[in-house]
């Protein structure tokens, strides 16, 4: 099982991206995997991909 945690702030995203090259953000369980976003650092900001 991959490391998971609830995203509650931008700091949470910064912390995860300091540990991993990319993270997957997903909405609540009710979404049935719709709306998943891949995020990674790009320069001083972030880049996201919508699969």
PDB file of N, CA and C in Angstrom:
ATOM      1  N   UNK A   1       0.850  -1.175   0.000  1.00  0.00           N
ATOM      2  CA  UNK A   1       0.000   0.000   0.000  1.00  0.00           C
ATOM      3  C   UNK A   1       0.894   1.236   0.000  1.00  0.00           C
ATOM      4  N   UNK A   2       0.684   2.152  -0.945  1.00  0.00           N
ATOM      5  CA  UNK A   2       1.487   3.378  -0.975  1.00  0.00           C
ATOM      6  C   UNK A   2       1.164   4.273   0.225  1.00  0.00           C
ATOM      7  N   UNK A   3       2.111   5.115   0.552  1.00  0.00           N
ATOM      8  CA  UNK A   3       1.928   6.089   1.631  1.00  0.00           C
ATOM      9  C   UNK A   3       0.780   7.022   1.245  1.00  0.00           C
ATOM     10  N   UNK A   4      -0.170   7.167   2.137  1.00  0.00           N
ATOM     11  CA  UNK A   4      -1.298   8.075   1.890  1.00  0.00           C
ATOM     12  C   UNK A   4      -1.473   8.992   3.092  1.00  0.00           C
ATOM     13  N   UNK A   5      -2.031  10.139   2.818  1.00  0.00           N
ATOM     14  CA  UNK A   5      -2.406  11.048   3.890  1.00  0.00           C
ATOM     15  C   UNK A   5      -3.400  12.051   3.356  1.00  0.00           C
ATOM     16  N   UNK A   6      -4.175  12.606   4.249  1.00  0.00           N
ATOM     17  CA  UNK A   6      -5.189  13.571   3.868  1.00  0.00           C
ATOM     18  C   UNK A   6      -4.529  14.924   3.603  1.00  0.00           C
ATOM     19  N   UNK A   7      -4.822  15.494   2.467  1.00  0.00           N
ATOM     20  CA  UNK A   7      -4.289  16.803   2.094  1.00  0.00           C
ATOM     21  C   UNK A   7      -5.180  17.874   2.713  1.00  0.00           C
ATOM     22  N   UNK A   8      -4.587  18.642   3.612  1.00  0.00           N
ATOM     23  CA  UNK A   8      -5.358  19.676   4.284  1.00  0.00           C
ATOM     24  C   UNK A   8      -4.813  21.077   4.041  1.00  0.00           C
ATOM     25  N   UNK A   9      -3.579  21.142   3.522  1.00  0.00           N
ATOM     26  CA  UNK A   9      -2.987  22.455   3.279  1.00  0.00           C
ATOM     27  C   UNK A   9      -1.903  22.334   2.208  1.00  0.00           C
ATOM     28  N   UNK A  10      -1.433  23.458   1.757  1.00  0.00           N
ATOM     29  CA  UNK A  10      -0.341  23.464   0.781  1.00  0.00           C
ATOM     30  C   UNK A  10       0.933  22.877   1.398  1.00  0.00           C
ATOM     31  N   UNK A  11       1.121  23.075   2.702  1.00  0.00           N
ATOM     32  CA  UNK A  11       2.274  22.511   3.381  1.00  0.00           C
ATOM     33  C   UNK A  11       2.266  20.981   3.276  1.00  0.00           C
ATOM     34  N   UNK A  12       1.092  20.372   3.378  1.00  0.00           N
ATOM     35  CA  UNK A  12       0.999  18.916   3.224  1.00  0.00           C
ATOM     36  C   UNK A  12       1.504  18.494   1.844  1.00  0.00           C
ATOM     37  N   UNK A  13       1.128  19.234   0.813  1.00  0.00           N
ATOM     38  CA  UNK A  13       1.586  18.930  -0.540  1.00  0.00           C
ATOM     39  C   UNK A  13       3.094  19.132  -0.649  1.00  0.00           C
ATOM     40  N   UNK A  14       3.603  20.223  -0.094  1.00  0.00           N
ATOM     41  CA  UNK A  14       5.054  20.464  -0.095  1.00  0.00           C
ATOM     42  C   UNK A  14       5.806  19.333   0.594  1.00  0.00           C
ATOM     43  N   UNK A  15       5.305  18.883   1.739  1.00  0.00           N
ATOM     44  CA  UNK A  15       5.953  17.800   2.482  1.00  0.00           C
ATOM     45  C   UNK A  15       6.009  16.517   1.658  1.00  0.00           C
ATOM     46  N   UNK A  16       4.898  16.171   1.033  1.00  0.00           N
ATOM     47  CA  UNK A  16       4.864  14.937   0.237  1.00  0.00           C
ATOM     48  C   UNK A  16       5.776  15.050  -0.981  1.00  0.00           C
ATOM     49  N   UNK A  17       5.806  16.207  -1.628  1.00  0.00           N
ATOM     50  CA  UNK A  17       6.653  16.369  -2.810  1.00  0.00           C
ATOM     51  C   UNK A  17       8.132  16.517  -2.454  1.00  0.00           C
ATOM     52  N   UNK A  18       8.439  16.775  -1.208  1.00  0.00           N
ATOM     53  CA  UNK A  18       9.844  16.755  -0.791  1.00  0.00           C
ATOM     54  C   UNK A  18      10.323  15.313  -0.604  1.00  0.00           C
ATOM     55  N   UNK A  19       9.391  14.393  -0.387  1.00  0.00           N
ATOM     56  CA  UNK A  19       9.722  12.974  -0.209  1.00  0.00           C
ATOM     57  C   UNK A  19       9.622  12.176  -1.499  1.00  0.00           C
ATOM     58  N   UNK A  20       8.727  12.579  -2.387  1.00  0.00           N
ATOM     59  CA  UNK A  20       8.438  11.826  -3.611  1.00  0.00           C
ATOM     60  C   UNK A  20       8.514  12.740  -4.832  1.00  0.00           C
ATOM     61  N   UNK A  21       8.867  12.166  -5.985  1.00  0.00           N
ATOM     62  CA  UNK A  21       8.935  12.951  -7.227  1.00  0.00           C
ATOM     63  C   UNK A  21       7.572  13.422  -7.684  1.00  0.00           C
ATOM     64  N   UNK A  22       6.562  12.614  -7.441  1.00  0.00           N
ATOM     65  CA  UNK A  22       5.202  12.956  -7.848  1.00  0.00           C
ATOM     66  C   UNK A  22       4.234  12.334  -6.856  1.00  0.00           C
ATOM     67  N   UNK A  23       3.064  12.935  -6.758  1.00  0.00           N
ATOM     68  CA  UNK A  23       2.005  12.400  -5.899  1.00  0.00           C
ATOM     69  C   UNK A  23       0.699  12.399  -6.684  1.00  0.00           C
ATOM     70  N   UNK A  24      -0.200  11.549  -6.281  1.00  0.00           N
ATOM     71  CA  UNK A  24      -1.526  11.497  -6.875  1.00  0.00           C
ATOM     72  C   UNK A  24      -2.516  12.043  -5.865  1.00  0.00           C
ATOM     73  N   UNK A  25      -3.296  13.011  -6.305  1.00  0.00           N
ATOM     74  CA  UNK A  25      -4.328  13.613  -5.466  1.00  0.00           C
ATOM     75  C   UNK A  25      -5.667  13.079  -5.932  1.00  0.00           C
ATOM     76  N   UNK A  26      -6.458  12.630  -4.991  1.00  0.00           N
ATOM     77  CA  UNK A  26      -7.771  12.118  -5.384  1.00  0.00           C
ATOM     78  C   UNK A  26      -8.832  12.678  -4.468  1.00  0.00           C
ATOM     79  N   UNK A  27     -10.024  12.853  -5.000  1.00  0.00           N
ATOM     80  CA  UNK A  27     -11.121  13.365  -4.181  1.00  0.00           C
ATOM     81  C   UNK A  27     -11.586  12.315  -3.176  1.00  0.00           C
ATOM     82  N   UNK A  28     -12.628  12.621  -2.472  1.00  0.00           N
ATOM     83  CA  UNK A  28     -13.157  11.714  -1.456  1.00  0.00           C
ATOM     84  C   UNK A  28     -13.555  10.366  -2.040  1.00  0.00           C
ATOM     85  N   UNK A  29     -13.770   9.411  -1.189  1.00  0.00           N
ATOM     86  CA  UNK A  29     -14.095   8.041  -1.598  1.00  0.00           C
ATOM     87  C   UNK A  29     -15.326   7.968  -2.507  1.00  0.00           C
ATOM     88  N   UNK A  30     -16.235   8.886  -2.363  1.00  0.00           N
ATOM     89  CA  UNK A  30     -17.466   8.848  -3.151  1.00  0.00           C
ATOM     90  C   UNK A  30     -17.237   9.090  -4.636  1.00  0.00           C
ATOM     91  N   UNK A  31     -16.051   9.519  -5.018  1.00  0.00           N
ATOM     92  CA  UNK A  31     -15.799   9.887  -6.412  1.00  0.00           C
ATOM     93  C   UNK A  31     -15.568   8.689  -7.331  1.00  0.00           C
ATOM     94  N   UNK A  32     -15.352   7.493  -6.758  1.00  0.00           N
ATOM     95  CA  UNK A  32     -15.117   6.287  -7.552  1.00  0.00           C
ATOM     96  C   UNK A  32     -13.956   6.473  -8.533  1.00  0.00           C
ATOM     97  N   UNK A  33     -12.862   7.085  -8.074  1.00  0.00           N
ATOM     98  CA  UNK A  33     -11.620   7.289  -8.826  1.00  0.00           C
ATOM     99  C   UNK A  33     -11.718   8.349  -9.918  1.00  0.00           C
ATOM    100  N   UNK A  34     -12.804   9.052 -10.013  1.00  0.00           N
ATOM    101  CA  UNK A  34     -12.897  10.169 -10.963  1.00  0.00           C
ATOM    102  C   UNK A  34     -12.240  11.392 -10.338  1.00  0.00           C
ATOM    103  N   UNK A  35     -11.524  12.146 -11.143  1.00  0.00           N
ATOM    104  CA  UNK A  35     -10.920  13.381 -10.669  1.00  0.00           C
ATOM    105  C   UNK A  35      -9.535  13.237 -10.080  1.00  0.00           C
ATOM    106  N   UNK A  36      -8.859  12.118 -10.321  1.00  0.00           N
ATOM    107  CA  UNK A  36      -7.504  11.933  -9.811  1.00  0.00           C
ATOM    108  C   UNK A  36      -6.545  12.828 -10.596  1.00  0.00           C
ATOM    109  N   UNK A  37      -5.633  13.473  -9.882  1.00  0.00           N
ATOM    110  CA  UNK A  37      -4.664  14.405 -10.464  1.00  0.00           C
ATOM    111  C   UNK A  37      -3.265  13.968 -10.060  1.00  0.00           C
ATOM    112  N   UNK A  38      -2.336  13.954 -11.013  1.00  0.00           N
ATOM    113  CA  UNK A  38      -0.930  13.705 -10.710  1.00  0.00           C
ATOM    114  C   UNK A  38      -0.250  15.060 -10.594  1.00  0.00           C
ATOM    115  N   UNK A  39       0.444  15.291  -9.477  1.00  0.00           N
ATOM    116  CA  UNK A  39       1.123  16.566  -9.244  1.00  0.00           C
ATOM    117  C   UNK A  39       2.606  16.335  -8.999  1.00  0.00           C
ATOM    118  N   UNK A  40       3.428  17.259  -9.505  1.00  0.00           N
ATOM    119  CA  UNK A  40       4.856  17.207  -9.239  1.00  0.00           C
ATOM    120  C   UNK A  40       5.420  18.617  -9.263  1.00  0.00           C
ATOM    121  N   UNK A  41       6.609  18.763  -8.697  1.00  0.00           N
ATOM    122  CA  UNK A  41       7.252  20.085  -8.658  1.00  0.00           C
ATOM    123  C   UNK A  41       7.747  20.483 -10.041  1.00  0.00           C
ATOM    124  N   UNK A  42       7.622  21.758 -10.319  1.00  0.00           N
ATOM    125  CA  UNK A  42       8.176  22.325 -11.555  1.00  0.00           C
ATOM    126  C   UNK A  42       8.661  23.715 -11.206  1.00  0.00           C
ATOM    127  N   UNK A  43       9.981  23.852 -11.106  1.00  0.00           N
ATOM    128  CA  UNK A  43      10.546  25.140 -10.693  1.00  0.00           C
ATOM    129  C   UNK A  43      10.124  25.470  -9.270  1.00  0.00           C
ATOM    130  N   UNK A  44       9.603  26.674  -9.092  1.00  0.00           N
ATOM    131  CA  UNK A  44       9.139  27.094  -7.752  1.00  0.00           C
ATOM    132  C   UNK A  44       7.680  26.753  -7.500  1.00  0.00           C
ATOM    133  N   UNK A  45       7.031  26.108  -8.470  1.00  0.00           N
ATOM    134  CA  UNK A  45       5.619  25.801  -8.322  1.00  0.00           C
ATOM    135  C   UNK A  45       5.329  24.328  -8.515  1.00  0.00           C
ATOM    136  N   UNK A  46       4.168  24.061  -9.051  1.00  0.00           N
ATOM    137  CA  UNK A  46       3.707  22.695  -9.279  1.00  0.00           C
ATOM    138  C   UNK A  46       3.210  22.551 -10.705  1.00  0.00           C
ATOM    139  N   UNK A  47       3.217  21.341 -11.171  1.00  0.00           N
ATOM    140  CA  UNK A  47       2.585  21.020 -12.453  1.00  0.00           C
ATOM    141  C   UNK A  47       1.625  19.870 -12.174  1.00  0.00           C
ATOM    142  N   UNK A  48       0.482  19.898 -12.824  1.00  0.00           N
ATOM    143  CA  UNK A  48      -0.496  18.823 -12.637  1.00  0.00           C
ATOM    144  C   UNK A  48      -0.863  18.219 -13.979  1.00  0.00           C
ATOM    145  N   UNK A  49      -1.167  16.945 -13.955  1.00  0.00           N
ATOM    146  CA  UNK A  49      -1.649  16.227 -15.133  1.00  0.00           C
ATOM    147  C   UNK A  49      -2.961  15.573 -14.794  1.00  0.00           C
ATOM    148  N   UNK A  50      -3.915  15.745 -15.658  1.00  0.00           N
ATOM    149  CA  UNK A  50      -5.202  15.093 -15.499  1.00  0.00           C
ATOM    150  C   UNK A  50      -5.234  13.881 -16.415  1.00  0.00           C
ATOM    151  N   UNK A  51      -5.194  12.681 -15.841  1.00  0.00           N
ATOM    152  CA  UNK A  51      -5.164  11.476 -16.690  1.00  0.00           C
ATOM    153  C   UNK A  51      -6.445  11.278 -17.478  1.00  0.00           C
TER     154      UNK A  51
END
